[in-house]
Amino acid sequence: MELKSLKLVTIFSDDALQDEIIEALKGCGVKGYTIEDAKGEGLHRMRMNELEGTIIRIETICNEAKCDEVFKMLSEKFFNEYGVIAFATDIQVLRKERF
């Protein structure tokens, strides 16, 4: 089996934006995603209780063109108004056709 190069796109966001981000990802043609709760501290400080909401990590795997489309969408819809963070990592996958 041969490994193929793709991108792992990771997005950190307030959980309140989950549905909106997922809808926007699907609008970009993303085939699937994984969502996990996340904890940490950054420029916006650590959250002290659940009333302040929680942070989620959304991950999806896609080709470079779709990755560019996702980052453009995030930039236009979320980066200016919300503390959304996103980055891409080069990965190697089997069964590239699934992504």
PDB file of N, CA and C in Angstrom:
ATOM      1  N   MET A   1       0.845  -1.184   0.000  1.00  0.00           N
ATOM      2  CA  MET A   1       0.000   0.000   0.000  1.00  0.00           C
ATOM      3  C   MET A   1       0.888   1.244   0.000  1.00  0.00           C
ATOM      4  N   GLU A   2       0.401   2.233  -0.694  1.00  0.00           N
ATOM      5  CA  GLU A   2       1.165   3.468  -0.831  1.00  0.00           C
ATOM      6  C   GLU A   2       0.523   4.588  -0.020  1.00  0.00           C
ATOM      7  N   LEU A   3       1.356   5.296   0.726  1.00  0.00           N
ATOM      8  CA  LEU A   3       0.885   6.450   1.479  1.00  0.00           C
ATOM      9  C   LEU A   3       0.742   7.649   0.545  1.00  0.00           C
ATOM     10  N   LYS A   4      -0.300   8.451   0.777  1.00  0.00           N
ATOM     11  CA  LYS A   4      -0.563   9.650  -0.017  1.00  0.00           C
ATOM     12  C   LYS A   4      -0.547  10.874   0.884  1.00  0.00           C
ATOM     13  N   SER A   5      -0.086  12.003   0.357  1.00  0.00           N
ATOM     14  CA  SER A   5       0.010  13.246   1.126  1.00  0.00           C
ATOM     15  C   SER A   5      -1.319  13.993   1.122  1.00  0.00           C
ATOM     16  N   LEU A   6      -1.756  14.381   2.315  1.00  0.00           N
ATOM     17  CA  LEU A   6      -2.943  15.215   2.497  1.00  0.00           C
ATOM     18  C   LEU A   6      -2.666  16.208   3.613  1.00  0.00           C
ATOM     19  N   LYS A   7      -3.668  16.995   3.968  1.00  0.00           N
ATOM     20  CA  LYS A   7      -3.566  17.982   5.047  1.00  0.00           C
ATOM     21  C   LYS A   7      -4.525  17.619   6.177  1.00  0.00           C
ATOM     22  N   LEU A   8      -4.061  17.736   7.399  1.00  0.00           N
ATOM     23  CA  LEU A   8      -4.913  17.645   8.581  1.00  0.00           C
ATOM     24  C   LEU A   8      -5.179  19.079   9.018  1.00  0.00           C
ATOM     25  N   VAL A   9      -6.432  19.502   8.926  1.00  0.00           N
ATOM     26  CA  VAL A   9      -6.820  20.851   9.349  1.00  0.00           C
ATOM     27  C   VAL A   9      -7.377  20.751  10.760  1.00  0.00           C
ATOM     28  N   THR A  10      -6.806  21.535  11.671  1.00  0.00           N
ATOM     29  CA  THR A  10      -7.233  21.556  13.066  1.00  0.00           C
ATOM     30  C   THR A  10      -7.766  22.947  13.385  1.00  0.00           C
ATOM     31  N   ILE A  11      -8.950  22.982  13.981  1.00  0.00           N
ATOM     32  CA  ILE A  11      -9.615  24.244  14.322  1.00  0.00           C
ATOM     33  C   ILE A  11      -9.962  24.219  15.804  1.00  0.00           C
ATOM     34  N   PHE A  12      -9.586  25.249  16.531  1.00  0.00           N
ATOM     35  CA  PHE A  12      -9.994  25.422  17.931  1.00  0.00           C
ATOM     36  C   PHE A  12     -11.010  26.548  17.980  1.00  0.00           C
ATOM     37  N   SER A  13     -12.116  26.310  18.714  1.00  0.00           N
ATOM     38  CA  SER A  13     -13.208  27.277  18.731  1.00  0.00           C
ATOM     39  C   SER A  13     -14.012  27.143  20.017  1.00  0.00           C
ATOM     40  N   ASP A  14     -14.784  28.177  20.319  1.00  0.00           N
ATOM     41  CA  ASP A  14     -15.798  28.065  21.363  1.00  0.00           C
ATOM     42  C   ASP A  14     -16.814  27.024  20.923  1.00  0.00           C
ATOM     43  N   ASP A  15     -17.311  26.246  21.862  1.00  0.00           N
ATOM     44  CA  ASP A  15     -18.291  25.211  21.518  1.00  0.00           C
ATOM     45  C   ASP A  15     -19.580  25.811  20.941  1.00  0.00           C
ATOM     46  N   ALA A  16     -19.869  27.050  21.262  1.00  0.00           N
ATOM     47  CA  ALA A  16     -21.084  27.696  20.749  1.00  0.00           C
ATOM     48  C   ALA A  16     -21.054  27.842  19.230  1.00  0.00           C
ATOM     49  N   LEU A  17     -19.880  27.806  18.621  1.00  0.00           N
ATOM     50  CA  LEU A  17     -19.743  27.952  17.179  1.00  0.00           C
ATOM     51  C   LEU A  17     -19.733  26.616  16.443  1.00  0.00           C
ATOM     52  N   GLN A  18     -19.841  25.517  17.161  1.00  0.00           N
ATOM     53  CA  GLN A  18     -19.690  24.189  16.569  1.00  0.00           C
ATOM     54  C   GLN A  18     -20.584  23.989  15.346  1.00  0.00           C
ATOM     55  N   ASP A  19     -21.869  24.183  15.490  1.00  0.00           N
ATOM     56  CA  ASP A  19     -22.795  23.920  14.382  1.00  0.00           C
ATOM     57  C   ASP A  19     -22.510  24.824  13.182  1.00  0.00           C
ATOM     58  N   GLU A  20     -22.203  26.075  13.454  1.00  0.00           N
ATOM     59  CA  GLU A  20     -21.929  27.029  12.375  1.00  0.00           C
ATOM     60  C   GLU A  20     -20.650  26.654  11.615  1.00  0.00           C
ATOM     61  N   ILE A  21     -19.621  26.242  12.344  1.00  0.00           N
ATOM     62  CA  ILE A  21     -18.366  25.843  11.700  1.00  0.00           C
ATOM     63  C   ILE A  21     -18.562  24.560  10.897  1.00  0.00           C
ATOM     64  N   ILE A  22     -19.270  23.585  11.454  1.00  0.00           N
ATOM     65  CA  ILE A  22     -19.509  22.328  10.745  1.00  0.00           C
ATOM     66  C   ILE A  22     -20.290  22.582   9.454  1.00  0.00           C
ATOM     67  N   GLU A  23     -21.314  23.413   9.525  1.00  0.00           N
ATOM     68  CA  GLU A  23     -22.093  23.753   8.329  1.00  0.00           C
ATOM     69  C   GLU A  23     -21.200  24.402   7.273  1.00  0.00           C
ATOM     70  N   ALA A  24     -20.320  25.301   7.715  1.00  0.00           N
ATOM     71  CA  ALA A  24     -19.418  25.978   6.786  1.00  0.00           C
ATOM     72  C   ALA A  24     -18.401  25.003   6.191  1.00  0.00           C
ATOM     73  N   LEU A  25     -17.901  24.060   6.990  1.00  0.00           N
ATOM     74  CA  LEU A  25     -16.982  23.047   6.473  1.00  0.00           C
ATOM     75  C   LEU A  25     -17.672  22.187   5.415  1.00  0.00           C
ATOM     76  N   LYS A  26     -18.884  21.777   5.692  1.00  0.00           N
ATOM     77  CA  LYS A  26     -19.637  20.986   4.711  1.00  0.00           C
ATOM     78  C   LYS A  26     -19.865  21.788   3.438  1.00  0.00           C
ATOM     79  N   GLY A  27     -20.078  23.095   3.580  1.00  0.00           N
ATOM     80  CA  GLY A  27     -20.229  23.963   2.418  1.00  0.00           C
ATOM     81  C   GLY A  27     -18.966  24.021   1.565  1.00  0.00           C
ATOM     82  N   CYS A  28     -17.824  23.753   2.189  1.00  0.00           N
ATOM     83  CA  CYS A  28     -16.550  23.691   1.458  1.00  0.00           C
ATOM     84  C   CYS A  28     -16.329  22.312   0.835  1.00  0.00           C
ATOM     85  N   GLY A  29     -17.226  21.374   1.114  1.00  0.00           N
ATOM     86  CA  GLY A  29     -17.095  20.038   0.548  1.00  0.00           C
ATOM     87  C   GLY A  29     -16.313  19.063   1.389  1.00  0.00           C
ATOM     88  N   VAL A  30     -16.084  19.405   2.661  1.00  0.00           N
ATOM     89  CA  VAL A  30     -15.386  18.488   3.554  1.00  0.00           C
ATOM     90  C   VAL A  30     -16.246  17.240   3.748  1.00  0.00           C
ATOM     91  N   LYS A  31     -15.633  16.063   3.633  1.00  0.00           N
ATOM     92  CA  LYS A  31     -16.379  14.805   3.707  1.00  0.00           C
ATOM     93  C   LYS A  31     -16.641  14.329   5.134  1.00  0.00           C
ATOM     94  N   GLY A  32     -15.782  14.679   6.078  1.00  0.00           N
ATOM     95  CA  GLY A  32     -15.957  14.217   7.450  1.00  0.00           C
ATOM     96  C   GLY A  32     -15.130  15.058   8.405  1.00  0.00           C
ATOM     97  N   TYR A  33     -15.352  14.843   9.681  1.00  0.00           N
ATOM     98  CA  TYR A  33     -14.649  15.614  10.699  1.00  0.00           C
ATOM     99  C   TYR A  33     -14.720  14.866  12.025  1.00  0.00           C
ATOM    100  N   THR A  34     -13.880  15.281  12.952  1.00  0.00           N
ATOM    101  CA  THR A  34     -13.886  14.770  14.316  1.00  0.00           C
ATOM    102  C   THR A  34     -13.929  15.971  15.247  1.00  0.00           C
ATOM    103  N   ILE A  35     -14.720  15.865  16.309  1.00  0.00           N
ATOM    104  CA  ILE A  35     -14.820  16.942  17.302  1.00  0.00           C
ATOM    105  C   ILE A  35     -14.458  16.369  18.664  1.00  0.00           C
ATOM    106  N   GLU A  36     -13.614  17.091  19.399  1.00  0.00           N
ATOM    107  CA  GLU A  36     -13.232  16.709  20.758  1.00  0.00           C
ATOM    108  C   GLU A  36     -13.259  17.941  21.652  1.00  0.00           C
ATOM    109  N   ASP A  37     -13.502  17.730  22.937  1.00  0.00           N
ATOM    110  CA  ASP A  37     -13.348  18.807  23.906  1.00  0.00           C
ATOM    111  C   ASP A  37     -11.868  19.098  24.063  1.00  0.00           C
ATOM    112  N   ALA A  38     -11.537  20.359  24.281  1.00  0.00           N
ATOM    113  CA  ALA A  38     -10.144  20.757  24.445  1.00  0.00           C
ATOM    114  C   ALA A  38     -10.019  21.655  25.677  1.00  0.00           C
ATOM    115  N   LYS A  39      -8.853  21.655  26.262  1.00  0.00           N
ATOM    116  CA  LYS A  39      -8.547  22.531  27.396  1.00  0.00           C
ATOM    117  C   LYS A  39      -7.202  23.167  27.141  1.00  0.00           C
ATOM    118  N   GLY A  40      -7.003  24.347  27.704  1.00  0.00           N
ATOM    119  CA  GLY A  40      -5.724  25.020  27.552  1.00  0.00           C
ATOM    120  C   GLY A  40      -5.832  26.484  27.900  1.00  0.00           C
ATOM    121  N   GLU A  41      -4.766  27.183  27.666  1.00  0.00           N
ATOM    122  CA  GLU A  41      -4.709  28.605  27.966  1.00  0.00           C
ATOM    123  C   GLU A  41      -3.970  29.307  26.841  1.00  0.00           C
ATOM    124  N   GLY A  42      -4.422  30.491  26.482  1.00  0.00           N
ATOM    125  CA  GLY A  42      -3.788  31.261  25.420  1.00  0.00           C
ATOM    126  C   GLY A  42      -3.978  32.743  25.659  1.00  0.00           C
ATOM    127  N   LEU A  43      -4.006  33.499  24.585  1.00  0.00           N
ATOM    128  CA  LEU A  43      -4.121  34.953  24.682  1.00  0.00           C
ATOM    129  C   LEU A  43      -5.409  35.402  25.358  1.00  0.00           C
ATOM    130  N   HIS A  44      -6.474  34.616  25.204  1.00  0.00           N
ATOM    131  CA  HIS A  44      -7.763  35.014  25.766  1.00  0.00           C
ATOM    132  C   HIS A  44      -7.966  34.524  27.194  1.00  0.00           C
ATOM    133  N   ARG A  45      -6.987  33.926  27.802  1.00  0.00           N
ATOM    134  CA  ARG A  45      -6.963  33.414  29.173  1.00  0.00           C
ATOM    135  C   ARG A  45      -7.630  32.055  29.292  1.00  0.00           C
ATOM    136  N   MET A  46      -7.447  31.420  30.417  1.00  0.00           N
ATOM    137  CA  MET A  46      -8.061  30.127  30.691  1.00  0.00           C
ATOM    138  C   MET A  46      -9.483  30.338  31.193  1.00  0.00           C
ATOM    139  N   ARG A  47     -10.373  29.493  30.783  1.00  0.00           N
ATOM    140  CA  ARG A  47     -11.763  29.586  31.256  1.00  0.00           C
ATOM    141  C   ARG A  47     -11.839  29.001  32.657  1.00  0.00           C
ATOM    142  N   MET A  48     -12.564  29.693  33.502  1.00  0.00           N
ATOM    143  CA  MET A  48     -12.589  29.310  34.911  1.00  0.00           C
ATOM    144  C   MET A  48     -13.738  28.377  35.263  1.00  0.00           C
ATOM    145  N   ASN A  49     -14.811  28.375  34.457  1.00  0.00           N
ATOM    146  CA  ASN A  49     -15.927  27.485  34.758  1.00  0.00           C
ATOM    147  C   ASN A  49     -16.721  27.204  33.489  1.00  0.00           C
ATOM    148  N   GLU A  50     -17.611  26.227  33.572  1.00  0.00           N
ATOM    149  CA  GLU A  50     -18.386  25.818  32.409  1.00  0.00           C
ATOM    150  C   GLU A  50     -19.376  26.885  31.948  1.00  0.00           C
ATOM    151  N   LEU A  51     -19.725  27.827  32.800  1.00  0.00           N
ATOM    152  CA  LEU A  51     -20.640  28.889  32.395  1.00  0.00           C
ATOM    153  C   LEU A  51     -20.028  29.761  31.302  1.00  0.00           C
ATOM    154  N   GLU A  52     -18.705  29.791  31.234  1.00  0.00           N
ATOM    155  CA  GLU A  52     -18.020  30.566  30.199  1.00  0.00           C
ATOM    156  C   GLU A  52     -17.949  29.802  28.878  1.00  0.00           C
ATOM    157  N   GLY A  53     -18.464  28.581  28.847  1.00  0.00           N
ATOM    158  CA  GLY A  53     -18.403  27.751  27.647  1.00  0.00           C
ATOM    159  C   GLY A  53     -17.152  26.903  27.650  1.00  0.00           C
ATOM    160  N   THR A  54     -17.066  26.057  26.676  1.00  0.00           N
ATOM    161  CA  THR A  54     -15.898  25.194  26.553  1.00  0.00           C
ATOM    162  C   THR A  54     -15.265  25.388  25.178  1.00  0.00           C
ATOM    163  N   ILE A  55     -14.081  24.843  25.046  1.00  0.00           N
ATOM    164  CA  ILE A  55     -13.348  24.897  23.793  1.00  0.00           C
ATOM    165  C   ILE A  55     -13.443  23.525  23.125  1.00  0.00           C
ATOM    166  N   ILE A  56     -13.583  23.537  21.812  1.00  0.00           N
ATOM    167  CA  ILE A  56     -13.579  22.283  21.056  1.00  0.00           C
ATOM    168  C   ILE A  56     -12.455  22.307  20.030  1.00  0.00           C
ATOM    169  N   ARG A  57     -12.029  21.109  19.649  1.00  0.00           N
ATOM    170  CA  ARG A  57     -11.069  20.934  18.561  1.00  0.00           C
ATOM    171  C   ARG A  57     -11.793  20.166  17.459  1.00  0.00           C
ATOM    172  N   ILE A  58     -11.835  20.746  16.277  1.00  0.00           N
ATOM    173  CA  ILE A  58     -12.436  20.114  15.108  1.00  0.00           C
ATOM    174  C   ILE A  58     -11.296  19.777  14.158  1.00  0.00           C
ATOM    175  N   GLU A  59     -11.262  18.530  13.698  1.00  0.00           N
ATOM    176  CA  GLU A  59     -10.223  18.125  12.758  1.00  0.00           C
ATOM    177  C   GLU A  59     -10.857  17.501  11.521  1.00  0.00           C
ATOM    178  N   THR A  60     -10.269  17.795  10.378  1.00  0.00           N
ATOM    179  CA  THR A  60     -10.700  17.197   9.121  1.00  0.00           C
ATOM    180  C   THR A  60      -9.469  16.961   8.255  1.00  0.00           C
ATOM    181  N   ILE A  61      -9.568  16.007   7.363  1.00  0.00           N
ATOM    182  CA  ILE A  61      -8.477  15.676   6.453  1.00  0.00           C
ATOM    183  C   ILE A  61      -8.943  15.995   5.040  1.00  0.00           C
ATOM    184  N   CYS A  62      -8.083  16.689   4.298  1.00  0.00           N
ATOM    185  CA  CYS A  62      -8.458  17.081   2.943  1.00  0.00           C
ATOM    186  C   CYS A  62      -7.209  17.327   2.099  1.00  0.00           C
ATOM    187  N   ASN A  63      -7.431  17.547   0.800  1.00  0.00           N
ATOM    188  CA  ASN A  63      -6.299  17.872  -0.062  1.00  0.00           C
ATOM    189  C   ASN A  63      -5.926  19.346   0.100  1.00  0.00           C
ATOM    190  N   GLU A  64      -4.840  19.751  -0.531  1.00  0.00           N
ATOM    191  CA  GLU A  64      -4.340  21.115  -0.355  1.00  0.00           C
ATOM    192  C   GLU A  64      -5.310  22.173  -0.865  1.00  0.00           C
ATOM    193  N   ALA A  65      -5.972  21.913  -1.982  1.00  0.00           N
ATOM    194  CA  ALA A  65      -6.922  22.887  -2.533  1.00  0.00           C
ATOM    195  C   ALA A  65      -8.096  23.099  -1.580  1.00  0.00           C
ATOM    196  N   LYS A  66      -8.630  22.017  -1.035  1.00  0.00           N
ATOM    197  CA  LYS A  66      -9.748  22.127  -0.094  1.00  0.00           C
ATOM    198  C   LYS A  66      -9.282  22.799   1.203  1.00  0.00           C
ATOM    199  N   CYS A  67      -8.053  22.508   1.613  1.00  0.00           N
ATOM    200  CA  CYS A  67      -7.482  23.168   2.798  1.00  0.00           C
ATOM    201  C   CYS A  67      -7.463  24.682   2.594  1.00  0.00           C
ATOM    202  N   ASP A  68      -7.026  25.119   1.426  1.00  0.00           N
ATOM    203  CA  ASP A  68      -7.014  26.558   1.119  1.00  0.00           C
ATOM    204  C   ASP A  68      -8.422  27.137   1.175  1.00  0.00           C
ATOM    205  N   GLU A  69      -9.391  26.394   0.651  1.00  0.00           N
ATOM    206  CA  GLU A  69     -10.787  26.838   0.666  1.00  0.00           C
ATOM    207  C   GLU A  69     -11.310  26.960   2.097  1.00  0.00           C
ATOM    208  N   VAL A  70     -10.961  25.989   2.944  1.00  0.00           N
ATOM    209  CA  VAL A  70     -11.386  26.011   4.351  1.00  0.00           C
ATOM    210  C   VAL A  70     -10.782  27.218   5.067  1.00  0.00           C
ATOM    211  N   PHE A  71      -9.496  27.486   4.845  1.00  0.00           N
ATOM    212  CA  PHE A  71      -8.865  28.628   5.509  1.00  0.00           C
ATOM    213  C   PHE A  71      -9.444  29.953   5.020  1.00  0.00           C
ATOM    214  N   LYS A  72      -9.776  30.041   3.743  1.00  0.00           N
ATOM    215  CA  LYS A  72     -10.416  31.259   3.227  1.00  0.00           C
ATOM    216  C   LYS A  72     -11.768  31.461   3.905  1.00  0.00           C
ATOM    217  N   MET A  73     -12.558  30.387   4.002  1.00  0.00           N
ATOM    218  CA  MET A  73     -13.873  30.465   4.641  1.00  0.00           C
ATOM    219  C   MET A  73     -13.735  30.874   6.108  1.00  0.00           C
ATOM    220  N   LEU A  74     -12.813  30.241   6.840  1.00  0.00           N
ATOM    221  CA  LEU A  74     -12.618  30.586   8.252  1.00  0.00           C
ATOM    222  C   LEU A  74     -12.220  32.049   8.410  1.00  0.00           C
ATOM    223  N   SER A  75     -11.341  32.498   7.539  1.00  0.00           N
ATOM    224  CA  SER A  75     -10.888  33.883   7.586  1.00  0.00           C
ATOM    225  C   SER A  75     -12.040  34.858   7.358  1.00  0.00           C
ATOM    226  N   GLU A  76     -12.894  34.554   6.399  1.00  0.00           N
ATOM    227  CA  GLU A  76     -14.002  35.444   6.069  1.00  0.00           C
ATOM    228  C   GLU A  76     -15.122  35.410   7.110  1.00  0.00           C
ATOM    229  N   LYS A  77     -15.418  34.244   7.676  1.00  0.00           N
ATOM    230  CA  LYS A  77     -16.582  34.099   8.550  1.00  0.00           C
ATOM    231  C   LYS A  77     -16.285  34.149  10.044  1.00  0.00           C
ATOM    232  N   PHE A  78     -15.064  33.818  10.456  1.00  0.00           N
ATOM    233  CA  PHE A  78     -14.847  33.628  11.893  1.00  0.00           C
ATOM    234  C   PHE A  78     -13.670  34.395  12.488  1.00  0.00           C
ATOM    235  N   PHE A  79     -12.579  34.553  11.758  1.00  0.00           N
ATOM    236  CA  PHE A  79     -11.362  35.086  12.367  1.00  0.00           C
ATOM    237  C   PHE A  79     -11.518  36.505  12.902  1.00  0.00           C
ATOM    238  N   ASN A  80     -12.298  37.354  12.251  1.00  0.00           N
ATOM    239  CA  ASN A  80     -12.410  38.750  12.677  1.00  0.00           C
ATOM    240  C   ASN A  80     -13.303  38.937  13.900  1.00  0.00           C
ATOM    241  N   GLU A  81     -14.238  38.023  14.108  1.00  0.00           N
ATOM    242  CA  GLU A  81     -15.205  38.199  15.194  1.00  0.00           C
ATOM    243  C   GLU A  81     -15.016  37.266  16.381  1.00  0.00           C
ATOM    244  N   TYR A  82     -14.310  36.167  16.173  1.00  0.00           N
ATOM    245  CA  TYR A  82     -14.217  35.152  17.227  1.00  0.00           C
ATOM    246  C   TYR A  82     -12.767  34.721  17.443  1.00  0.00           C
ATOM    247  N   GLY A  83     -12.518  34.122  18.594  1.00  0.00           N
ATOM    248  CA  GLY A  83     -11.187  33.618  18.920  1.00  0.00           C
ATOM    249  C   GLY A  83     -10.935  32.244  18.322  1.00  0.00           C
ATOM    250  N   VAL A  84     -11.219  32.084  17.044  1.00  0.00           N
ATOM    251  CA  VAL A  84     -11.010  30.813  16.350  1.00  0.00           C
ATOM    252  C   VAL A  84      -9.551  30.734  15.897  1.00  0.00           C
ATOM    253  N   ILE A  85      -8.952  29.580  16.119  1.00  0.00           N
ATOM    254  CA  ILE A  85      -7.571  29.328  15.698  1.00  0.00           C
ATOM    255  C   ILE A  85      -7.587  28.114  14.781  1.00  0.00           C
ATOM    256  N   ALA A  86      -6.801  28.150  13.718  1.00  0.00           N
ATOM    257  CA  ALA A  86      -6.742  27.018  12.794  1.00  0.00           C
ATOM    258  C   ALA A  86      -5.322  26.867  12.260  1.00  0.00           C
ATOM    259  N   PHE A  87      -4.956  25.623  11.993  1.00  0.00           N
ATOM    260  CA  PHE A  87      -3.665  25.345  11.366  1.00  0.00           C
ATOM    261  C   PHE A  87      -3.765  24.049  10.581  1.00  0.00           C
ATOM    262  N   ALA A  88      -2.818  23.857   9.674  1.00  0.00           N
ATOM    263  CA  ALA A  88      -2.780  22.644   8.858  1.00  0.00           C
ATOM    264  C   ALA A  88      -1.452  21.936   9.070  1.00  0.00           C
ATOM    265  N   THR A  89      -1.508  20.620   9.024  1.00  0.00           N
ATOM    266  CA  THR A  89      -0.332  19.780   9.182  1.00  0.00           C
ATOM    267  C   THR A  89      -0.271  18.826   7.989  1.00  0.00           C
ATOM    268  N   ASP A  90       0.919  18.642   7.440  1.00  0.00           N
ATOM    269  CA  ASP A  90       1.096  17.653   6.381  1.00  0.00           C
ATOM    270  C   ASP A  90       1.036  16.263   6.995  1.00  0.00           C
ATOM    271  N   ILE A  91       0.248  15.391   6.383  1.00  0.00           N
ATOM    272  CA  ILE A  91       0.115  14.023   6.871  1.00  0.00           C
ATOM    273  C   ILE A  91       0.198  13.047   5.700  1.00  0.00           C
ATOM    274  N   GLN A  92       0.386  11.785   6.025  1.00  0.00           N
ATOM    275  CA  GLN A  92       0.394  10.700   5.056  1.00  0.00           C
ATOM    276  C   GLN A  92      -0.733   9.745   5.421  1.00  0.00           C
ATOM    277  N   VAL A  93      -1.555   9.370   4.440  1.00  0.00           N
ATOM    278  CA  VAL A  93      -2.696   8.503   4.715  1.00  0.00           C
ATOM    279  C   VAL A  93      -2.750   7.337   3.737  1.00  0.00           C
ATOM    280  N   LEU A  94      -3.384   6.287   4.180  1.00  0.00           N
ATOM    281  CA  LEU A  94      -3.808   5.205   3.307  1.00  0.00           C
ATOM    282  C   LEU A  94      -5.248   5.496   2.909  1.00  0.00           C
ATOM    283  N   ARG A  95      -5.687   4.956   1.819  1.00  0.00           N
ATOM    284  CA  ARG A  95      -7.077   5.120   1.363  1.00  0.00           C
ATOM    285  C   ARG A  95      -7.424   6.604   1.156  1.00  0.00           C
ATOM    286  N   LYS A  96      -6.613   7.289   0.409  1.00  0.00           N
ATOM    287  CA  LYS A  96      -6.800   8.723   0.140  1.00  0.00           C
ATOM    288  C   LYS A  96      -8.193   9.046  -0.388  1.00  0.00           C
ATOM    289  N   GLU A  97      -8.790   8.107  -1.119  1.00  0.00           N
ATOM    290  CA  GLU A  97     -10.094   8.355  -1.725  1.00  0.00           C
ATOM    291  C   GLU A  97     -11.193   8.617  -0.693  1.00  0.00           C
ATOM    292  N   ARG A  98     -10.974   8.239   0.552  1.00  0.00           N
ATOM    293  CA  ARG A  98     -11.962   8.473   1.605  1.00  0.00           C
ATOM    294  C   ARG A  98     -12.005   9.929   2.054  1.00  0.00           C
ATOM    295  N   PHE A  99     -11.013  10.710   1.655  1.00  0.00           N
ATOM    296  CA  PHE A  99     -10.919  12.091   2.108  1.00  0.00           C
ATOM    297  C   PHE A  99     -11.106  13.044   0.952  1.00  0.00           C
TER     298      PHE A  99
END
